[in-house]
Amino acid sequence: MKKAVLIEGAMLIALSLLAMTEGYRLVVDKDPNALYDVLGPGYYIFVLSFVLLATGIAHLVVTREKAAAPQAPATREMRVRLFGAIGGIALYLLLISIIGYPLATVIFFLIQFRIVGITSWKLNLALTLAITACYYYIFQEYCGMIFPRGIFHL
């Protein structure tokens, strides 16, 4: 197994354990002067860090199994997709404060689905609208999070 893979896996596992410790601390050591909801920040951090821990372990296991197989060098198309995805994220970060969460998210997913190879505009638009609506409902309506509204106040 390559040294880089071991370092990546170890870093994911170490970060997840640190985050789990912090999440546990936030659950146990509550400030009596603060208001808390039922799920409070400690539970979110703990659950997400548990998922990160599972990801780190899976990364080590899967990469170990694939280490024996020869890998082809990265093609120009793969590099274009990578930089396109990074550019899409940068555009999203720029647009979310200007035009708000819903419109920026729709634009982001339209671009990202196109980059990963969904060429049908009908499917792309359907997936984009479905995911944006789900994220909106989960984070804003269910969890009560506040997202940037932008200049259109949506």
C-alpha atoms as a PDB file:
ATOM      1  CA  MET A   1       0.000   0.000   0.000  1.00  0.00           C
ATOM      2  CA  LYS A   2       1.309   3.422  -0.863  1.00  0.00           C
ATOM      3  CA  LYS A   3       2.583   5.693   1.867  1.00  0.00           C
ATOM      4  CA  ALA A   4       0.264   8.498   0.691  1.00  0.00           C
ATOM      5  CA  VAL A   5      -2.802   6.291   1.155  1.00  0.00           C
ATOM      6  CA  LEU A   6      -1.750   5.422   4.690  1.00  0.00           C
ATOM      7  CA  ILE A   7      -1.246   9.110   5.476  1.00  0.00           C
ATOM      8  CA  GLU A   8      -4.654  10.031   3.993  1.00  0.00           C
ATOM      9  CA  GLY A   9      -6.433   7.301   5.940  1.00  0.00           C
ATOM     10  CA  ALA A  10      -4.617   8.114   9.167  1.00  0.00           C
ATOM     11  CA  MET A  11      -5.464  11.817   8.807  1.00  0.00           C
ATOM     12  CA  LEU A  12      -9.152  11.068   8.199  1.00  0.00           C
ATOM     13  CA  ILE A  13      -9.276   8.791  11.215  1.00  0.00           C
ATOM     14  CA  ALA A  14      -7.356  11.229  13.449  1.00  0.00           C
ATOM     15  CA  LEU A  15      -9.570  14.175  12.432  1.00  0.00           C
ATOM     16  CA  SER A  16     -12.703  12.128  13.001  1.00  0.00           C
ATOM     17  CA  LEU A  17     -11.548  11.087  16.477  1.00  0.00           C
ATOM     18  CA  LEU A  18     -10.758  14.708  17.361  1.00  0.00           C
ATOM     19  CA  ALA A  19     -14.170  15.811  16.093  1.00  0.00           C
ATOM     20  CA  MET A  20     -15.910  12.995  17.987  1.00  0.00           C
ATOM     21  CA  THR A  21     -14.140  14.116  21.160  1.00  0.00           C
ATOM     22  CA  GLU A  22     -15.286  17.699  20.605  1.00  0.00           C
ATOM     23  CA  GLY A  23     -18.836  16.595  19.827  1.00  0.00           C
ATOM     24  CA  TYR A  24     -18.929  14.511  22.982  1.00  0.00           C
ATOM     25  CA  ARG A  25     -17.578  17.445  24.994  1.00  0.00           C
ATOM     26  CA  LEU A  26     -20.306  19.722  23.618  1.00  0.00           C
ATOM     27  CA  VAL A  27     -22.974  17.208  24.588  1.00  0.00           C
ATOM     28  CA  VAL A  28     -21.646  16.624  28.112  1.00  0.00           C
ATOM     29  CA  ASP A  29     -20.360  20.095  29.097  1.00  0.00           C
ATOM     30  CA  LYS A  30     -23.359  22.311  28.390  1.00  0.00           C
ATOM     31  CA  ASP A  31     -23.154  25.993  29.247  1.00  0.00           C
ATOM     32  CA  PRO A  32     -26.034  26.790  31.635  1.00  0.00           C
ATOM     33  CA  ASN A  33     -26.344  30.296  30.157  1.00  0.00           C
ATOM     34  CA  ALA A  34     -26.873  29.076  26.574  1.00  0.00           C
ATOM     35  CA  LEU A  35     -30.042  27.911  24.868  1.00  0.00           C
ATOM     36  CA  TYR A  36     -29.934  24.471  23.295  1.00  0.00           C
ATOM     37  CA  ASP A  37     -32.262  22.659  20.953  1.00  0.00           C
ATOM     38  CA  VAL A  38     -32.871  18.932  21.183  1.00  0.00           C
ATOM     39  CA  LEU A  39     -30.218  18.000  18.638  1.00  0.00           C
ATOM     40  CA  GLY A  40     -27.706  20.706  19.674  1.00  0.00           C
ATOM     41  CA  PRO A  41     -24.362  21.147  17.909  1.00  0.00           C
ATOM     42  CA  GLY A  42     -22.648  18.322  19.774  1.00  0.00           C
ATOM     43  CA  TYR A  43     -24.832  15.618  18.269  1.00  0.00           C
ATOM     44  CA  TYR A  44     -24.339  16.923  14.725  1.00  0.00           C
ATOM     45  CA  ILE A  45     -20.578  16.991  15.152  1.00  0.00           C
ATOM     46  CA  PHE A  46     -20.506  13.560  16.770  1.00  0.00           C
ATOM     47  CA  VAL A  47     -22.603  11.902  14.043  1.00  0.00           C
ATOM     48  CA  LEU A  48     -20.732  13.591  11.191  1.00  0.00           C
ATOM     49  CA  SER A  49     -17.368  12.673  12.711  1.00  0.00           C
ATOM     50  CA  PHE A  50     -18.558   9.070  13.038  1.00  0.00           C
ATOM     51  CA  VAL A  51     -19.336   9.118   9.309  1.00  0.00           C
ATOM     52  CA  LEU A  52     -15.861  10.596   8.697  1.00  0.00           C
ATOM     53  CA  LEU A  53     -14.335   7.770  10.759  1.00  0.00           C
ATOM     54  CA  ALA A  54     -16.188   5.186   8.675  1.00  0.00           C
ATOM     55  CA  THR A  55     -15.000   6.946   5.523  1.00  0.00           C
ATOM     56  CA  GLY A  56     -11.369   6.836   6.689  1.00  0.00           C
ATOM     57  CA  ILE A  57     -11.571   3.140   7.467  1.00  0.00           C
ATOM     58  CA  ALA A  58     -13.330   2.392   4.173  1.00  0.00           C
ATOM     59  CA  HIS A  59     -10.674   4.399   2.320  1.00  0.00           C
ATOM     60  CA  LEU A  60      -7.917   2.274   3.814  1.00  0.00           C
ATOM     61  CA  VAL A  61      -9.732  -1.012   3.139  1.00  0.00           C
ATOM     62  CA  VAL A  62     -10.776  -0.226  -0.432  1.00  0.00           C
ATOM     63  CA  THR A  63      -7.419   1.234  -1.391  1.00  0.00           C
ATOM     64  CA  ARG A  64      -5.623  -1.779   0.054  1.00  0.00           C
ATOM     65  CA  GLU A  65      -7.657  -4.066  -2.192  1.00  0.00           C
ATOM     66  CA  LYS A  66      -7.029  -1.882  -5.245  1.00  0.00           C
ATOM     67  CA  ALA A  67      -3.299  -1.418  -4.535  1.00  0.00           C
ATOM     68  CA  ALA A  68      -2.365  -4.575  -6.439  1.00  0.00           C
ATOM     69  CA  ALA A  69      -4.112  -3.466  -9.640  1.00  0.00           C
ATOM     70  CA  PRO A  70      -2.128  -1.216 -11.994  1.00  0.00           C
ATOM     71  CA  GLN A  71      -3.586   2.250 -12.447  1.00  0.00           C
ATOM     72  CA  ALA A  72      -3.743   4.265 -15.624  1.00  0.00           C
ATOM     73  CA  PRO A  73      -2.356   7.791 -15.576  1.00  0.00           C
ATOM     74  CA  ALA A  74      -4.805  10.677 -15.331  1.00  0.00           C
ATOM     75  CA  THR A  75      -6.115  11.777 -18.697  1.00  0.00           C
ATOM     76  CA  ARG A  76      -6.707  15.325 -19.851  1.00  0.00           C
ATOM     77  CA  GLU A  77     -10.483  14.772 -19.561  1.00  0.00           C
ATOM     78  CA  MET A  78     -10.122  13.736 -15.918  1.00  0.00           C
ATOM     79  CA  ARG A  79      -8.094  16.867 -15.128  1.00  0.00           C
ATOM     80  CA  VAL A  80     -10.653  19.074 -16.907  1.00  0.00           C
ATOM     81  CA  ARG A  81     -13.468  17.507 -14.865  1.00  0.00           C
ATOM     82  CA  LEU A  82     -11.523  17.986 -11.636  1.00  0.00           C
ATOM     83  CA  PHE A  83     -10.823  21.658 -12.282  1.00  0.00           C
ATOM     84  CA  GLY A  84     -14.391  22.128 -13.510  1.00  0.00           C
ATOM     85  CA  ALA A  85     -15.715  20.738 -10.216  1.00  0.00           C
ATOM     86  CA  ILE A  86     -13.375  22.988  -8.235  1.00  0.00           C
ATOM     87  CA  GLY A  87     -14.441  25.966 -10.344  1.00  0.00           C
ATOM     88  CA  GLY A  88     -18.095  25.091  -9.732  1.00  0.00           C
ATOM     89  CA  ILE A  89     -17.508  25.069  -5.980  1.00  0.00           C
ATOM     90  CA  ALA A  90     -15.702  28.424  -6.155  1.00  0.00           C
ATOM     91  CA  LEU A  91     -18.577  29.881  -8.187  1.00  0.00           C
ATOM     92  CA  TYR A  92     -21.075  28.513  -5.663  1.00  0.00           C
ATOM     93  CA  LEU A  93     -19.200  30.137  -2.785  1.00  0.00           C
ATOM     94  CA  LEU A  94     -19.232  33.438  -4.653  1.00  0.00           C
ATOM     95  CA  LEU A  95     -22.885  33.281  -5.725  1.00  0.00           C
ATOM     96  CA  ILE A  96     -24.453  32.074  -2.488  1.00  0.00           C
ATOM     97  CA  SER A  97     -23.954  35.415  -0.759  1.00  0.00           C
ATOM     98  CA  ILE A  98     -25.002  37.419  -3.816  1.00  0.00           C
ATOM     99  CA  ILE A  99     -28.085  35.611  -5.146  1.00  0.00           C
ATOM    100  CA  GLY A 100     -28.916  33.480  -2.103  1.00  0.00           C
ATOM    101  CA  TYR A 101     -29.048  29.809  -1.279  1.00  0.00           C
ATOM    102  CA  PRO A 102     -31.822  28.485  -3.563  1.00  0.00           C
ATOM    103  CA  LEU A 103     -30.646  30.008  -6.848  1.00  0.00           C
ATOM    104  CA  ALA A 104     -26.946  29.425  -6.167  1.00  0.00           C
ATOM    105  CA  THR A 105     -27.658  25.794  -5.282  1.00  0.00           C
ATOM    106  CA  VAL A 106     -29.633  25.226  -8.475  1.00  0.00           C
ATOM    107  CA  ILE A 107     -26.787  26.694 -10.561  1.00  0.00           C
ATOM    108  CA  PHE A 108     -24.208  24.657  -8.622  1.00  0.00           C
ATOM    109  CA  PHE A 109     -25.956  21.324  -9.131  1.00  0.00           C
ATOM    110  CA  LEU A 110     -26.688  22.034 -12.806  1.00  0.00           C
ATOM    111  CA  ILE A 111     -22.950  22.566 -13.340  1.00  0.00           C
ATOM    112  CA  GLN A 112     -21.829  19.629 -11.187  1.00  0.00           C
ATOM    113  CA  PHE A 113     -24.210  17.120 -12.761  1.00  0.00           C
ATOM    114  CA  ARG A 114     -23.093  18.242 -16.198  1.00  0.00           C
ATOM    115  CA  ILE A 115     -19.439  17.770 -15.184  1.00  0.00           C
ATOM    116  CA  VAL A 116     -20.005  14.227 -13.880  1.00  0.00           C
ATOM    117  CA  GLY A 117     -21.598  13.231 -17.151  1.00  0.00           C
ATOM    118  CA  ILE A 118     -25.359  13.691 -16.921  1.00  0.00           C
ATOM    119  CA  THR A 119     -25.898  15.002 -20.440  1.00  0.00           C
ATOM    120  CA  SER A 120     -29.691  14.921 -20.527  1.00  0.00           C
ATOM    121  CA  TRP A 121     -30.905  18.380 -19.550  1.00  0.00           C
ATOM    122  CA  LYS A 122     -34.275  17.012 -18.424  1.00  0.00           C
ATOM    123  CA  LEU A 123     -32.648  14.546 -16.029  1.00  0.00           C
ATOM    124  CA  ASN A 124     -30.118  17.145 -14.910  1.00  0.00           C
ATOM    125  CA  LEU A 125     -32.842  19.692 -14.138  1.00  0.00           C
ATOM    126  CA  ALA A 126     -35.043  17.109 -12.378  1.00  0.00           C
ATOM    127  CA  LEU A 127     -32.178  15.931 -10.151  1.00  0.00           C
ATOM    128  CA  THR A 128     -31.090  19.503  -9.455  1.00  0.00           C
ATOM    129  CA  LEU A 129     -34.552  20.656  -8.403  1.00  0.00           C
ATOM    130  CA  ALA A 130     -35.174  17.532  -6.310  1.00  0.00           C
ATOM    131  CA  ILE A 131     -31.879  17.783  -4.429  1.00  0.00           C
ATOM    132  CA  THR A 132     -32.191  21.539  -3.911  1.00  0.00           C
ATOM    133  CA  ALA A 133     -35.721  21.104  -2.534  1.00  0.00           C
ATOM    134  CA  CYS A 134     -34.614  18.263  -0.235  1.00  0.00           C
ATOM    135  CA  TYR A 135     -31.663  20.260   1.100  1.00  0.00           C
ATOM    136  CA  TYR A 136     -33.863  23.301   1.598  1.00  0.00           C
ATOM    137  CA  TYR A 137     -36.470  21.325   3.505  1.00  0.00           C
ATOM    138  CA  ILE A 138     -33.989  19.416   5.651  1.00  0.00           C
ATOM    139  CA  PHE A 139     -31.723  22.290   6.611  1.00  0.00           C
ATOM    140  CA  GLN A 140     -34.014  25.317   6.638  1.00  0.00           C
ATOM    141  CA  GLU A 141     -37.419  23.958   7.533  1.00  0.00           C
ATOM    142  CA  TYR A 142     -36.580  20.906   9.638  1.00  0.00           C
ATOM    143  CA  CYS A 143     -33.310  21.969  11.284  1.00  0.00           C
ATOM    144  CA  GLY A 144     -34.094  25.690  11.375  1.00  0.00           C
ATOM    145  CA  MET A 145     -30.782  26.764   9.830  1.00  0.00           C
ATOM    146  CA  ILE A 146     -30.554  30.182   8.246  1.00  0.00           C
ATOM    147  CA  PHE A 147     -28.958  30.415   4.815  1.00  0.00           C
ATOM    148  CA  PRO A 148     -27.986  33.515   2.859  1.00  0.00           C
ATOM    149  CA  ARG A 149     -30.991  35.062   1.151  1.00  0.00           C
ATOM    150  CA  GLY A 150     -29.102  37.198  -1.348  1.00  0.00           C
ATOM    151  CA  ILE A 151     -30.413  40.228  -3.185  1.00  0.00           C
ATOM    152  CA  PHE A 152     -33.670  38.516  -4.179  1.00  0.00           C
ATOM    153  CA  HIS A 153     -34.661  37.622  -0.570  1.00  0.00           C
ATOM    154  CA  LEU A 154     -35.918  34.125  -1.472  1.00  0.00           C
END
